[in-house]
Amino acid sequence: MLVRHRVALASAAALGAVVLPVAPVAAYSAEPAVSPAVSAVAPAPLVEPGAPAYCGYYDGNATTRRGQSGAAVREVQCLITYWSGGQPLAVDGIFGARTESWVVHFQDVKGLRVDGIVGPQTWAALRAL
């Protein structure tokens, strides 16, 4: 019984050594999955010639990150939904894992620092649609 337990632990450790180093790379290299059920649809940003894109929720550029909620998060979600070609990202105002995944994807595609945090440079890129 003790031998089987040790074999199982050794197998799990070996598998973990192979899978865990690759998991973060795989998580950030794939495009975020789109959920079939979306609770809210983002309005199209207001875009005047030469003006930055704006969804109407927030017009600042304060740092916005996972765990926050409110108008700035809604603006991020709306702009990313618009930028992604209308793929649904719920505009619920909660900066959770899906929003962070889309921010990371957006930053990677735009050549920005990939950290999942919407700071002044990411805001500028989001609004330069």
N, C-alpha and C. Protein backbone atom coordinates (compact mmCIF):
# COMPACT_ATOMS: atom_id res chain seq x y z
N MET A 1 0.82 -1.19 0.00
CA MET A 1 0.00 0.00 0.00
C MET A 1 0.87 1.26 0.00
N LEU A 2 1.90 1.26 0.83
CA LEU A 2 2.79 2.41 0.91
C LEU A 2 3.56 2.61 -0.39
N VAL A 3 3.92 1.50 -1.05
CA VAL A 3 4.65 1.58 -2.31
C VAL A 3 3.77 2.22 -3.39
N ARG A 4 2.50 1.81 -3.47
CA ARG A 4 1.59 2.40 -4.46
C ARG A 4 1.42 3.89 -4.23
N HIS A 5 1.35 4.29 -2.97
CA HIS A 5 1.21 5.70 -2.64
C HIS A 5 2.44 6.48 -3.10
N ARG A 6 3.63 5.94 -2.87
CA ARG A 6 4.87 6.60 -3.28
C ARG A 6 4.96 6.68 -4.80
N VAL A 7 4.55 5.62 -5.49
CA VAL A 7 4.56 5.63 -6.96
C VAL A 7 3.61 6.68 -7.49
N ALA A 8 2.44 6.77 -6.88
CA ALA A 8 1.46 7.77 -7.31
C ALA A 8 2.00 9.19 -7.08
N LEU A 9 2.64 9.42 -5.95
CA LEU A 9 3.21 10.73 -5.67
C LEU A 9 4.34 11.06 -6.64
N ALA A 10 5.18 10.09 -6.92
CA ALA A 10 6.28 10.32 -7.85
C ALA A 10 5.75 10.61 -9.26
N SER A 11 4.70 9.90 -9.68
CA SER A 11 4.10 10.13 -11.00
C SER A 11 3.50 11.53 -11.07
N ALA A 12 2.82 11.94 -10.02
CA ALA A 12 2.20 13.27 -10.00
C ALA A 12 3.27 14.35 -10.03
N ALA A 13 4.36 14.15 -9.31
CA ALA A 13 5.45 15.13 -9.30
C ALA A 13 6.10 15.24 -10.68
N ALA A 14 6.30 14.10 -11.34
CA ALA A 14 6.90 14.12 -12.67
C ALA A 14 5.99 14.82 -13.67
N LEU A 15 4.70 14.53 -13.61
CA LEU A 15 3.74 15.19 -14.50
C LEU A 15 3.69 16.68 -14.24
N GLY A 16 3.72 17.07 -12.97
CA GLY A 16 3.71 18.49 -12.62
C GLY A 16 4.94 19.21 -13.12
N ALA A 17 6.08 18.53 -13.10
CA ALA A 17 7.31 19.15 -13.58
C ALA A 17 7.27 19.40 -15.08
N VAL A 18 6.49 18.61 -15.80
CA VAL A 18 6.38 18.77 -17.25
C VAL A 18 5.31 19.80 -17.61
N VAL A 19 4.17 19.75 -16.93
CA VAL A 19 3.03 20.58 -17.30
C VAL A 19 3.10 21.99 -16.72
N LEU A 20 3.48 22.16 -15.48
CA LEU A 20 3.42 23.47 -14.83
C LEU A 20 4.29 24.54 -15.48
N PRO A 21 5.52 24.24 -15.92
CA PRO A 21 6.29 25.31 -16.57
C PRO A 21 5.67 25.80 -17.87
N VAL A 22 4.88 24.98 -18.53
CA VAL A 22 4.29 25.33 -19.81
C VAL A 22 2.94 26.03 -19.64
N ALA A 23 2.26 25.79 -18.54
CA ALA A 23 0.90 26.30 -18.35
C ALA A 23 0.79 27.81 -18.49
N PRO A 24 1.65 28.65 -17.83
CA PRO A 24 1.49 30.10 -18.00
C PRO A 24 1.70 30.56 -19.44
N VAL A 25 2.65 29.95 -20.13
CA VAL A 25 2.91 30.33 -21.52
C VAL A 25 1.70 29.98 -22.37
N ALA A 26 1.14 28.80 -22.17
CA ALA A 26 -0.03 28.38 -22.94
C ALA A 26 -1.23 29.27 -22.64
N ALA A 27 -1.37 29.66 -21.38
CA ALA A 27 -2.52 30.49 -20.99
C ALA A 27 -2.50 31.85 -21.66
N TYR A 28 -1.31 32.45 -21.82
CA TYR A 28 -1.22 33.78 -22.39
C TYR A 28 -0.95 33.78 -23.89
N SER A 29 -0.68 32.61 -24.47
CA SER A 29 -0.40 32.59 -25.90
C SER A 29 -1.65 32.34 -26.74
N ALA A 30 -2.69 31.81 -26.12
CA ALA A 30 -3.91 31.53 -26.86
C ALA A 30 -4.88 32.70 -26.75
N GLU A 31 -5.69 32.88 -27.78
CA GLU A 31 -6.71 33.91 -27.74
C GLU A 31 -7.77 33.50 -26.73
N PRO A 32 -8.27 34.42 -25.91
CA PRO A 32 -9.26 34.07 -24.90
C PRO A 32 -10.51 33.44 -25.52
N ALA A 33 -11.06 32.48 -24.80
CA ALA A 33 -12.27 31.81 -25.27
C ALA A 33 -13.47 32.75 -25.15
N VAL A 34 -14.43 32.58 -26.01
CA VAL A 34 -15.62 33.41 -26.00
C VAL A 34 -16.76 32.60 -25.41
N SER A 35 -17.38 33.16 -24.40
CA SER A 35 -18.49 32.48 -23.74
C SER A 35 -19.76 32.63 -24.57
N PRO A 36 -20.55 31.55 -24.72
CA PRO A 36 -21.79 31.67 -25.50
C PRO A 36 -22.86 32.50 -24.79
N ALA A 37 -22.83 32.54 -23.47
CA ALA A 37 -23.83 33.30 -22.73
C ALA A 37 -23.21 34.59 -22.22
N VAL A 38 -23.71 35.71 -22.67
CA VAL A 38 -23.18 37.00 -22.27
C VAL A 38 -24.32 37.78 -21.63
N SER A 39 -24.03 38.40 -20.48
CA SER A 39 -25.08 39.08 -19.74
C SER A 39 -25.38 40.48 -20.26
N ALA A 40 -24.41 41.11 -20.92
CA ALA A 40 -24.62 42.46 -21.41
C ALA A 40 -23.85 42.65 -22.71
N VAL A 41 -24.38 43.46 -23.57
CA VAL A 41 -23.73 43.73 -24.85
C VAL A 41 -23.18 45.15 -24.80
N ALA A 42 -21.93 45.28 -25.23
CA ALA A 42 -21.28 46.58 -25.19
C ALA A 42 -21.77 47.46 -26.33
N PRO A 43 -22.02 48.73 -26.05
CA PRO A 43 -22.36 49.63 -27.14
C PRO A 43 -21.12 49.94 -27.95
N ALA A 44 -21.30 50.31 -29.19
CA ALA A 44 -20.16 50.70 -30.02
C ALA A 44 -19.60 52.02 -29.51
N PRO A 45 -18.28 52.14 -29.47
CA PRO A 45 -17.70 53.40 -29.01
C PRO A 45 -18.08 54.57 -29.91
N LEU A 46 -18.11 55.74 -29.32
CA LEU A 46 -18.33 56.95 -30.07
C LEU A 46 -17.00 57.36 -30.67
N VAL A 47 -16.91 57.40 -31.98
CA VAL A 47 -15.64 57.73 -32.62
C VAL A 47 -15.88 58.83 -33.64
N GLU A 48 -15.35 60.00 -33.33
CA GLU A 48 -15.38 61.11 -34.27
C GLU A 48 -14.04 61.15 -34.98
N PRO A 49 -13.98 61.60 -36.21
CA PRO A 49 -12.69 61.66 -36.90
C PRO A 49 -11.64 62.42 -36.09
N GLY A 50 -10.52 61.77 -35.84
CA GLY A 50 -9.43 62.38 -35.09
C GLY A 50 -9.58 62.33 -33.58
N ALA A 51 -10.73 61.89 -33.09
CA ALA A 51 -10.96 61.82 -31.65
C ALA A 51 -10.75 60.39 -31.15
N PRO A 52 -10.37 60.24 -29.90
CA PRO A 52 -10.18 58.88 -29.37
C PRO A 52 -11.52 58.16 -29.21
N ALA A 53 -11.47 56.83 -29.26
CA ALA A 53 -12.68 56.04 -29.05
C ALA A 53 -13.14 56.20 -27.61
N TYR A 54 -14.45 56.20 -27.42
CA TYR A 54 -15.04 56.42 -26.10
C TYR A 54 -16.39 55.74 -26.06
N CYS A 55 -16.61 54.88 -25.06
CA CYS A 55 -17.88 54.16 -24.95
C CYS A 55 -18.92 54.89 -24.10
N GLY A 56 -18.48 55.89 -23.35
CA GLY A 56 -19.42 56.64 -22.54
C GLY A 56 -19.44 56.27 -21.07
N TYR A 57 -18.59 55.34 -20.66
CA TYR A 57 -18.55 54.94 -19.26
C TYR A 57 -17.52 55.73 -18.47
N TYR A 58 -16.35 56.00 -19.09
CA TYR A 58 -15.21 56.58 -18.37
C TYR A 58 -14.29 57.24 -19.38
N ASP A 59 -13.80 58.44 -19.08
CA ASP A 59 -12.91 59.12 -20.04
C ASP A 59 -11.52 59.38 -19.49
N GLY A 60 -11.18 58.79 -18.36
CA GLY A 60 -9.86 58.98 -17.76
C GLY A 60 -8.85 57.94 -18.21
N ASN A 61 -7.72 57.89 -17.51
CA ASN A 61 -6.71 56.89 -17.82
C ASN A 61 -6.05 56.34 -16.56
N ALA A 62 -6.80 56.31 -15.46
CA ALA A 62 -6.28 55.77 -14.21
C ALA A 62 -6.01 54.28 -14.34
N THR A 63 -5.01 53.81 -13.64
CA THR A 63 -4.65 52.39 -13.70
C THR A 63 -5.83 51.55 -13.22
N THR A 64 -6.17 50.57 -14.04
CA THR A 64 -7.30 49.69 -13.76
C THR A 64 -6.80 48.25 -13.84
N ARG A 65 -7.15 47.44 -12.85
CA ARG A 65 -6.62 46.07 -12.80
C ARG A 65 -7.63 45.10 -12.22
N ARG A 66 -7.24 43.81 -12.27
CA ARG A 66 -8.09 42.74 -11.77
C ARG A 66 -8.49 43.00 -10.32
N GLY A 67 -9.75 42.75 -10.03
CA GLY A 67 -10.29 42.95 -8.69
C GLY A 67 -11.05 44.26 -8.54
N GLN A 68 -10.88 45.17 -9.51
CA GLN A 68 -11.59 46.44 -9.44
C GLN A 68 -12.94 46.32 -10.14
N SER A 69 -13.78 47.28 -9.90
CA SER A 69 -15.09 47.32 -10.56
C SER A 69 -15.48 48.77 -10.77
N GLY A 70 -16.46 48.97 -11.64
CA GLY A 70 -16.97 50.31 -11.87
C GLY A 70 -16.90 50.77 -13.31
N ALA A 71 -17.03 52.09 -13.48
CA ALA A 71 -17.12 52.68 -14.82
C ALA A 71 -15.86 52.48 -15.65
N ALA A 72 -14.68 52.59 -15.03
CA ALA A 72 -13.43 52.41 -15.78
C ALA A 72 -13.34 50.99 -16.33
N VAL A 73 -13.77 50.03 -15.56
CA VAL A 73 -13.75 48.63 -16.01
C VAL A 73 -14.74 48.44 -17.15
N ARG A 74 -15.93 49.05 -17.05
CA ARG A 74 -16.91 48.97 -18.15
C ARG A 74 -16.32 49.55 -19.44
N GLU A 75 -15.60 50.66 -19.32
CA GLU A 75 -14.99 51.28 -20.49
C GLU A 75 -13.97 50.33 -21.12
N VAL A 76 -13.13 49.71 -20.30
CA VAL A 76 -12.15 48.73 -20.80
C VAL A 76 -12.87 47.60 -21.52
N GLN A 77 -13.89 47.04 -20.89
CA GLN A 77 -14.61 45.91 -21.48
C GLN A 77 -15.28 46.30 -22.79
N CYS A 78 -15.85 47.47 -22.85
CA CYS A 78 -16.51 47.94 -24.07
C CYS A 78 -15.49 48.14 -25.19
N LEU A 79 -14.38 48.81 -24.89
CA LEU A 79 -13.37 49.07 -25.91
C LEU A 79 -12.73 47.77 -26.41
N ILE A 80 -12.48 46.83 -25.52
CA ILE A 80 -11.90 45.56 -25.95
C ILE A 80 -12.89 44.78 -26.80
N THR A 81 -14.16 44.82 -26.44
CA THR A 81 -15.17 44.14 -27.25
C THR A 81 -15.22 44.75 -28.65
N TYR A 82 -15.17 46.07 -28.72
CA TYR A 82 -15.16 46.75 -30.01
C TYR A 82 -13.90 46.41 -30.79
N TRP A 83 -12.75 46.47 -30.12
CA TRP A 83 -11.47 46.18 -30.75
C TRP A 83 -11.41 44.75 -31.28
N SER A 84 -12.03 43.82 -30.57
CA SER A 84 -11.97 42.41 -30.96
C SER A 84 -12.94 42.08 -32.09
N GLY A 85 -13.63 43.06 -32.62
CA GLY A 85 -14.56 42.80 -33.72
C GLY A 85 -15.93 42.38 -33.25
N GLY A 86 -16.28 42.70 -32.03
CA GLY A 86 -17.61 42.39 -31.52
C GLY A 86 -17.73 41.06 -30.83
N GLN A 87 -16.59 40.36 -30.62
CA GLN A 87 -16.68 39.12 -29.86
C GLN A 87 -17.13 39.49 -28.45
N PRO A 88 -18.09 38.79 -27.94
CA PRO A 88 -18.72 39.23 -26.69
C PRO A 88 -17.84 39.09 -25.45
N LEU A 89 -17.61 40.22 -24.81
CA LEU A 89 -17.03 40.29 -23.48
C LEU A 89 -18.05 41.05 -22.66
N ALA A 90 -18.61 40.41 -21.68
CA ALA A 90 -19.68 41.04 -20.91
C ALA A 90 -19.22 42.35 -20.30
N VAL A 91 -20.01 43.38 -20.50
CA VAL A 91 -19.73 44.69 -19.91
C VAL A 91 -20.49 44.72 -18.58
N ASP A 92 -19.86 44.11 -17.58
CA ASP A 92 -20.50 44.01 -16.27
C ASP A 92 -19.81 44.89 -15.22
N GLY A 93 -18.69 45.52 -15.60
CA GLY A 93 -17.99 46.41 -14.68
C GLY A 93 -17.15 45.70 -13.65
N ILE A 94 -16.92 44.39 -13.81
CA ILE A 94 -16.10 43.63 -12.87
C ILE A 94 -14.86 43.14 -13.60
N PHE A 95 -13.69 43.56 -13.14
CA PHE A 95 -12.42 43.19 -13.76
C PHE A 95 -12.00 41.83 -13.19
N GLY A 96 -12.45 40.78 -13.86
CA GLY A 96 -12.14 39.42 -13.44
C GLY A 96 -11.16 38.75 -14.38
N ALA A 97 -11.13 37.44 -14.33
CA ALA A 97 -10.18 36.64 -15.11
C ALA A 97 -10.37 36.82 -16.62
N ARG A 98 -11.62 36.84 -17.10
CA ARG A 98 -11.85 36.98 -18.56
C ARG A 98 -11.40 38.35 -19.05
N THR A 99 -11.71 39.39 -18.31
CA THR A 99 -11.29 40.73 -18.72
C THR A 99 -9.77 40.80 -18.71
N GLU A 100 -9.15 40.26 -17.68
CA GLU A 100 -7.69 40.28 -17.61
C GLU A 100 -7.09 39.50 -18.79
N SER A 101 -7.68 38.37 -19.14
CA SER A 101 -7.19 37.58 -20.26
C SER A 101 -7.26 38.37 -21.56
N TRP A 102 -8.35 39.09 -21.77
CA TRP A 102 -8.47 39.91 -22.98
C TRP A 102 -7.50 41.09 -22.96
N VAL A 103 -7.27 41.68 -21.80
CA VAL A 103 -6.31 42.78 -21.70
C VAL A 103 -4.91 42.26 -22.05
N VAL A 104 -4.55 41.11 -21.51
CA VAL A 104 -3.24 40.51 -21.82
C VAL A 104 -3.11 40.25 -23.32
N HIS A 105 -4.16 39.70 -23.91
CA HIS A 105 -4.16 39.43 -25.36
C HIS A 105 -4.00 40.74 -26.14
N PHE A 106 -4.75 41.74 -25.78
CA PHE A 106 -4.69 43.04 -26.45
C PHE A 106 -3.28 43.63 -26.34
N GLN A 107 -2.71 43.61 -25.14
CA GLN A 107 -1.37 44.15 -24.94
C GLN A 107 -0.34 43.40 -25.78
N ASP A 108 -0.47 42.09 -25.85
CA ASP A 108 0.47 41.29 -26.64
C ASP A 108 0.37 41.64 -28.12
N VAL A 109 -0.84 41.73 -28.64
CA VAL A 109 -1.05 42.04 -30.06
C VAL A 109 -0.55 43.44 -30.39
N LYS A 110 -0.74 44.38 -29.50
CA LYS A 110 -0.34 45.78 -29.74
C LYS A 110 1.13 46.05 -29.40
N GLY A 111 1.86 45.05 -28.92
CA GLY A 111 3.27 45.24 -28.62
C GLY A 111 3.52 46.03 -27.34
N LEU A 112 2.57 46.02 -26.44
CA LEU A 112 2.71 46.72 -25.17
C LEU A 112 3.30 45.78 -24.12
N ARG A 113 3.65 46.34 -22.98
CA ARG A 113 4.10 45.51 -21.86
C ARG A 113 2.91 44.64 -21.43
N VAL A 114 3.11 43.33 -21.41
CA VAL A 114 2.02 42.40 -21.10
C VAL A 114 2.00 42.15 -19.60
N ASP A 115 1.05 42.81 -18.92
CA ASP A 115 0.93 42.64 -17.48
C ASP A 115 -0.53 42.51 -17.03
N GLY A 116 -1.48 42.67 -17.94
CA GLY A 116 -2.89 42.55 -17.58
C GLY A 116 -3.45 43.75 -16.85
N ILE A 117 -2.65 44.81 -16.75
CA ILE A 117 -3.07 46.04 -16.07
C ILE A 117 -3.28 47.13 -17.11
N VAL A 118 -4.39 47.83 -17.02
CA VAL A 118 -4.69 48.90 -17.96
C VAL A 118 -4.18 50.22 -17.37
N GLY A 119 -2.98 50.59 -17.82
CA GLY A 119 -2.37 51.85 -17.41
C GLY A 119 -2.48 52.86 -18.55
N PRO A 120 -1.80 53.99 -18.45
CA PRO A 120 -1.90 55.03 -19.48
C PRO A 120 -1.57 54.56 -20.90
N GLN A 121 -0.56 53.71 -21.07
CA GLN A 121 -0.21 53.25 -22.42
C GLN A 121 -1.28 52.33 -22.99
N THR A 122 -1.82 51.44 -22.17
CA THR A 122 -2.89 50.54 -22.65
C THR A 122 -4.15 51.34 -22.93
N TRP A 123 -4.47 52.31 -22.09
CA TRP A 123 -5.64 53.18 -22.35
C TRP A 123 -5.47 53.87 -23.70
N ALA A 124 -4.27 54.42 -23.96
CA ALA A 124 -4.04 55.12 -25.22
C ALA A 124 -4.22 54.18 -26.41
N ALA A 125 -3.71 52.95 -26.28
CA ALA A 125 -3.86 51.97 -27.38
C ALA A 125 -5.32 51.57 -27.56
N LEU A 126 -6.05 51.40 -26.46
CA LEU A 126 -7.47 51.05 -26.56
C LEU A 126 -8.27 52.16 -27.25
N ARG A 127 -7.93 53.39 -26.97
CA ARG A 127 -8.69 54.51 -27.50
C ARG A 127 -8.25 54.89 -28.91
N ALA A 128 -7.12 54.36 -29.37
CA ALA A 128 -6.62 54.67 -30.71
C ALA A 128 -7.13 53.64 -31.71
N LEU A 129 -8.42 53.39 -31.67
CA LEU A 129 -9.00 52.36 -32.54
C LEU A 129 -9.18 52.83 -33.95
